[in-house]
Amino acid sequence: MAHVKKRSVLPVYFIGGTWLLWSVFAPLYRPVHYIMAALVSLIAYYGGKMLFPDRGYEVGEGAQSAPKPEARPEPKQEAKPKSTGNPEIDALLAERDRAVGEMRRLNDSIKDEKISRQIDHLEATTGKIIDTVAASPSKLPQIRKFMNYYLPTTLKLLNAYDRMDSTGVSGSNIDGTKGKVEGMLDTICAAFTRQLDDLYGDEAMDISAEITVMEQMLAQEGLGGMTLDGM
């Protein structure tokens, strides 16, 4: 706390009033008249200070200077995913994150244990499909239909199920629609798995061809059919 004294200005006015009254009612012809007027005004000044003394009061440190407004922290911006240098793959990865995030939200909202397990499978398989293509962009044409139709339609069906399930109402339309979605999910899970498997079709053929060539070469060298047990 700081102690501040505020001086009263009224005693100063008393000096001015004294000189004004003296000039009206008393002579100011000789030096002695000015000395007498100065003495009377001095008496009036101290009399005014007795009647209107200076005031002292305490102020906090914050009152001496206006407090500076607190600096607002800069809003945290979500880190943008690192670009791969391929706009199509960047868009693909962004859609992966969006779709997987939506599946997780739906999984938290839908309480049915079987559907929850199916959504877990769809989430994991979707991530693997897109990651596989991101690692081998030449496979991008193989998942065009998956990205443009099967994935968004699956999310649409799950969202419809979630909305109807959250009503807590049983009826022919609600129950019938939920039953159709439940019956379709097994097929969708199998389709997603098949889509992932198909991405490795060319690689499987290459490996199969390599194995065939190696078997033939081993046979020509008389090394075919040998195993560790037979050595």
Protein backbone atom coordinates (compact mmCIF):
# COMPACT_ATOMS: atom_id res chain seq x y z
CA MET A 1 0.00 0.00 0.00
CA ALA A 2 1.22 3.59 -0.69
CA HIS A 3 0.31 6.74 1.30
CA VAL A 4 -0.82 9.64 -0.88
CA LYS A 5 -1.54 13.18 0.38
CA LYS A 6 -4.05 15.31 -1.48
CA ARG A 7 -3.53 19.04 -0.88
CA SER A 8 -6.56 21.28 -0.39
CA VAL A 9 -6.74 24.27 -2.77
CA LEU A 10 -9.15 26.31 -0.64
CA PRO A 11 -6.42 28.03 1.46
CA VAL A 12 -4.97 29.39 -1.79
CA TYR A 13 -8.35 30.87 -2.59
CA PHE A 14 -8.27 32.58 0.83
CA ILE A 15 -5.09 34.43 -0.24
CA GLY A 16 -6.74 35.65 -3.42
CA GLY A 17 -9.85 36.69 -1.55
CA THR A 18 -7.79 38.64 1.02
CA TRP A 19 -6.00 40.67 -1.65
CA LEU A 20 -9.28 41.32 -3.44
CA LEU A 21 -11.00 42.59 -0.29
CA TRP A 22 -7.95 44.61 0.75
CA SER A 23 -7.82 46.38 -2.62
CA VAL A 24 -11.49 47.31 -2.25
CA PHE A 25 -11.67 48.38 1.40
CA ALA A 26 -8.06 49.28 2.38
CA PRO A 27 -5.40 51.56 0.85
CA LEU A 28 -2.55 50.17 -1.26
CA TYR A 29 -0.55 53.35 -1.72
CA ARG A 30 2.60 52.67 0.27
CA PRO A 31 4.91 49.66 0.72
CA VAL A 32 3.70 49.28 4.27
CA HIS A 33 0.18 48.72 2.92
CA TYR A 34 1.43 45.82 0.75
CA ILE A 35 3.33 44.33 3.68
CA MET A 36 0.25 44.49 5.87
CA ALA A 37 -1.88 42.94 3.10
CA ALA A 38 0.69 40.13 2.68
CA LEU A 39 0.65 39.44 6.45
CA VAL A 40 -3.15 39.33 6.48
CA SER A 41 -3.25 37.02 3.44
CA LEU A 42 -0.66 34.75 5.11
CA ILE A 43 -2.86 34.60 8.21
CA ALA A 44 -5.87 33.84 5.97
CA TYR A 45 -3.87 31.04 4.23
CA TYR A 46 -2.99 29.25 7.48
CA GLY A 47 -6.48 29.81 8.79
CA GLY A 48 -7.81 28.14 5.65
CA LYS A 49 -5.42 25.20 6.12
CA MET A 50 -6.79 24.73 9.64
CA LEU A 51 -10.34 24.77 8.34
CA PHE A 52 -9.59 22.67 5.28
CA PRO A 53 -6.57 20.46 6.03
CA ASP A 54 -4.82 18.26 3.48
CA ARG A 55 -6.24 14.76 3.22
CA GLY A 56 -4.19 11.56 3.18
CA TYR A 57 -5.33 8.13 2.01
CA GLU A 58 -3.91 4.73 1.21
CA VAL A 59 -3.86 3.30 -2.28
CA GLY A 60 -2.88 -0.15 -3.45
CA GLU A 61 -0.10 -0.66 -5.91
CA GLY A 62 -2.63 -1.44 -8.62
CA ALA A 63 -4.31 1.97 -8.09
CA GLN A 64 -1.09 3.92 -8.89
CA SER A 65 -1.08 2.69 -12.46
CA ALA A 66 -3.81 1.22 -14.56
CA PRO A 67 -3.46 -2.56 -14.57
CA LYS A 68 -2.31 -3.95 -17.84
CA PRO A 69 -4.83 -6.28 -19.40
CA GLU A 70 -3.77 -9.89 -19.21
CA ALA A 71 -2.46 -11.13 -22.48
CA ARG A 72 -4.80 -13.71 -23.91
CA PRO A 73 -3.07 -16.91 -24.81
CA GLU A 74 -2.99 -17.58 -28.50
CA PRO A 75 -5.55 -20.26 -29.41
CA LYS A 76 -3.87 -23.54 -30.06
CA GLN A 77 -4.08 -24.54 -33.64
CA GLU A 78 -4.28 -28.16 -34.51
CA ALA A 79 -1.13 -29.31 -36.17
CA LYS A 80 -1.71 -29.91 -39.83
CA PRO A 81 -0.68 -33.34 -41.03
CA LYS A 82 2.63 -33.37 -42.85
CA SER A 83 2.20 -33.29 -46.59
CA THR A 84 3.34 -36.32 -48.55
CA GLY A 85 3.95 -34.21 -51.63
CA ASN A 86 1.07 -35.97 -53.41
CA PRO A 87 -2.20 -33.98 -53.18
CA GLU A 88 -4.31 -37.09 -53.82
CA ILE A 89 -2.63 -39.01 -51.02
CA ASP A 90 -2.88 -36.00 -48.69
CA ALA A 91 -6.63 -35.84 -49.37
CA LEU A 92 -6.87 -39.60 -48.86
CA LEU A 93 -5.20 -39.43 -45.46
CA ALA A 94 -7.42 -36.51 -44.43
CA GLU A 95 -10.50 -38.56 -45.36
CA ARG A 96 -9.10 -41.50 -43.38
CA ASP A 97 -8.84 -39.36 -40.27
CA ARG A 98 -12.35 -37.98 -40.77
CA ALA A 99 -13.94 -41.38 -41.40
CA VAL A 100 -12.13 -43.10 -38.52
CA GLY A 101 -13.05 -40.23 -36.19
CA GLU A 102 -16.72 -40.56 -37.19
CA MET A 103 -16.63 -44.32 -36.59
CA ARG A 104 -15.21 -43.79 -33.11
CA ARG A 105 -17.95 -41.29 -32.32
CA LEU A 106 -20.62 -43.70 -33.51
CA ASN A 107 -19.03 -46.56 -31.59
CA ASP A 108 -19.21 -44.51 -28.38
CA SER A 109 -22.83 -43.63 -29.04
CA ILE A 110 -24.16 -47.06 -30.11
CA LYS A 111 -24.42 -49.41 -27.12
CA ASP A 112 -25.06 -52.71 -28.93
CA GLU A 113 -22.00 -54.91 -28.26
CA LYS A 114 -22.12 -56.77 -31.57
CA ILE A 115 -22.36 -53.57 -33.60
CA SER A 116 -19.57 -52.08 -31.49
CA ARG A 117 -17.30 -54.99 -32.42
CA GLN A 118 -18.25 -54.61 -36.08
CA ILE A 119 -17.44 -50.90 -35.99
CA ASP A 120 -14.07 -51.75 -34.40
CA HIS A 121 -13.40 -54.05 -37.35
CA LEU A 122 -14.49 -51.45 -39.91
CA GLU A 123 -12.37 -48.77 -38.27
CA ALA A 124 -9.23 -50.91 -38.21
CA THR A 125 -9.74 -52.21 -41.75
CA THR A 126 -10.42 -48.73 -43.17
CA GLY A 127 -7.17 -47.46 -41.66
CA LYS A 128 -5.21 -50.39 -43.11
CA ILE A 129 -6.74 -49.97 -46.57
CA ILE A 130 -5.87 -46.30 -46.77
CA ASP A 131 -2.43 -46.71 -45.22
CA THR A 132 -1.64 -49.43 -47.74
CA VAL A 133 -2.56 -47.16 -50.64
CA ALA A 134 -0.68 -44.22 -49.11
CA ALA A 135 2.44 -46.42 -49.06
CA SER A 136 1.82 -47.52 -52.68
CA PRO A 137 0.02 -44.68 -54.52
CA SER A 138 -0.18 -46.78 -57.68
CA LYS A 139 -2.94 -48.74 -55.94
CA LEU A 140 -5.14 -45.64 -55.63
CA PRO A 141 -7.41 -46.56 -58.57
CA GLN A 142 -8.27 -49.83 -56.80
CA ILE A 143 -10.08 -48.05 -53.98
CA ARG A 144 -11.93 -45.36 -55.95
CA LYS A 145 -15.30 -47.05 -55.51
CA PHE A 146 -14.50 -47.90 -51.90
CA MET A 147 -13.78 -44.24 -51.08
CA ASN A 148 -16.56 -42.74 -53.21
CA TYR A 149 -19.38 -45.13 -52.31
CA TYR A 150 -18.80 -47.98 -49.89
CA LEU A 151 -17.15 -46.00 -47.10
CA PRO A 152 -19.51 -42.96 -47.12
CA THR A 153 -22.57 -45.21 -47.48
CA THR A 154 -21.45 -47.32 -44.52
CA LEU A 155 -21.11 -44.16 -42.41
CA LYS A 156 -24.56 -43.06 -43.59
CA LEU A 157 -26.11 -46.37 -42.49
CA LEU A 158 -24.39 -46.26 -39.10
CA ASN A 159 -25.51 -42.67 -38.55
CA ALA A 160 -29.11 -43.60 -39.39
CA TYR A 161 -28.95 -46.52 -36.94
CA ASP A 162 -27.52 -44.23 -34.25
CA ARG A 163 -30.24 -41.61 -34.72
CA MET A 164 -33.06 -44.15 -34.56
CA ASP A 165 -31.53 -46.06 -31.67
CA SER A 166 -31.15 -42.86 -29.66
CA THR A 167 -34.90 -42.17 -29.81
CA GLY A 168 -35.55 -45.04 -27.40
CA VAL A 169 -38.79 -45.73 -29.27
CA SER A 170 -39.89 -49.02 -30.78
CA GLY A 171 -41.90 -48.93 -34.00
CA SER A 172 -42.21 -50.65 -37.34
CA ASN A 173 -40.10 -48.09 -39.21
CA ILE A 174 -37.43 -47.73 -36.53
CA ASP A 175 -37.15 -51.42 -35.72
CA GLY A 176 -37.31 -52.42 -39.38
CA THR A 177 -34.55 -49.99 -40.40
CA LYS A 178 -32.32 -50.96 -37.49
CA GLY A 179 -32.80 -54.64 -38.33
CA LYS A 180 -31.79 -54.05 -41.96
CA VAL A 181 -28.63 -52.20 -40.89
CA GLU A 182 -27.75 -54.94 -38.40
CA GLY A 183 -28.20 -57.59 -41.09
CA MET A 184 -26.08 -55.61 -43.56
CA LEU A 185 -23.11 -55.02 -41.27
CA ASP A 186 -21.78 -58.58 -41.55
CA THR A 187 -21.72 -58.20 -45.33
CA ILE A 188 -20.05 -54.78 -45.07
CA CYS A 189 -17.35 -56.11 -42.73
CA ALA A 190 -16.62 -58.94 -45.15
CA ALA A 191 -16.49 -56.49 -48.08
CA PHE A 192 -14.01 -54.22 -46.28
CA THR A 193 -11.80 -57.23 -45.51
CA ARG A 194 -11.99 -58.33 -49.16
CA GLN A 195 -11.03 -54.84 -50.29
CA LEU A 196 -7.91 -54.94 -48.12
CA ASP A 197 -7.03 -58.41 -49.37
CA ASP A 198 -7.43 -57.35 -53.01
CA LEU A 199 -4.81 -54.64 -52.55
CA TYR A 200 -2.23 -57.38 -52.10
CA GLY A 201 -3.31 -59.30 -55.21
CA ASP A 202 -0.44 -58.14 -57.44
CA GLU A 203 2.07 -58.64 -54.68
CA ALA A 204 0.76 -62.16 -54.04
CA MET A 205 1.11 -62.99 -57.73
CA ASP A 206 4.68 -61.66 -57.79
CA ILE A 207 5.63 -63.69 -54.74
CA SER A 208 3.98 -66.78 -56.18
CA ALA A 209 5.92 -66.33 -59.43
CA GLU A 210 9.18 -65.89 -57.52
CA ILE A 211 8.53 -69.06 -55.57
CA THR A 212 7.80 -70.99 -58.78
CA VAL A 213 11.03 -69.77 -60.39
CA MET A 214 13.06 -70.60 -57.29
CA GLU A 215 11.56 -74.11 -57.11
CA GLN A 216 12.46 -74.73 -60.74
CA MET A 217 16.03 -73.50 -60.28
CA LEU A 218 16.49 -75.60 -57.17
CA ALA A 219 15.19 -78.64 -59.02
CA GLN A 220 17.61 -78.05 -61.90
CA GLU A 221 20.52 -77.86 -59.47
CA GLY A 222 19.40 -81.01 -57.72
CA LEU A 223 18.57 -79.03 -54.60
CA GLY A 224 14.83 -79.30 -54.75
CA GLY A 225 12.85 -81.10 -52.08
CA MET A 226 15.53 -80.69 -49.43
CA THR A 227 14.48 -79.69 -45.94
CA LEU A 228 16.32 -79.10 -42.69
CA ASP A 229 15.09 -82.47 -41.43
CA GLY A 230 16.54 -84.19 -44.47
CA MET A 231 19.97 -82.58 -44.31
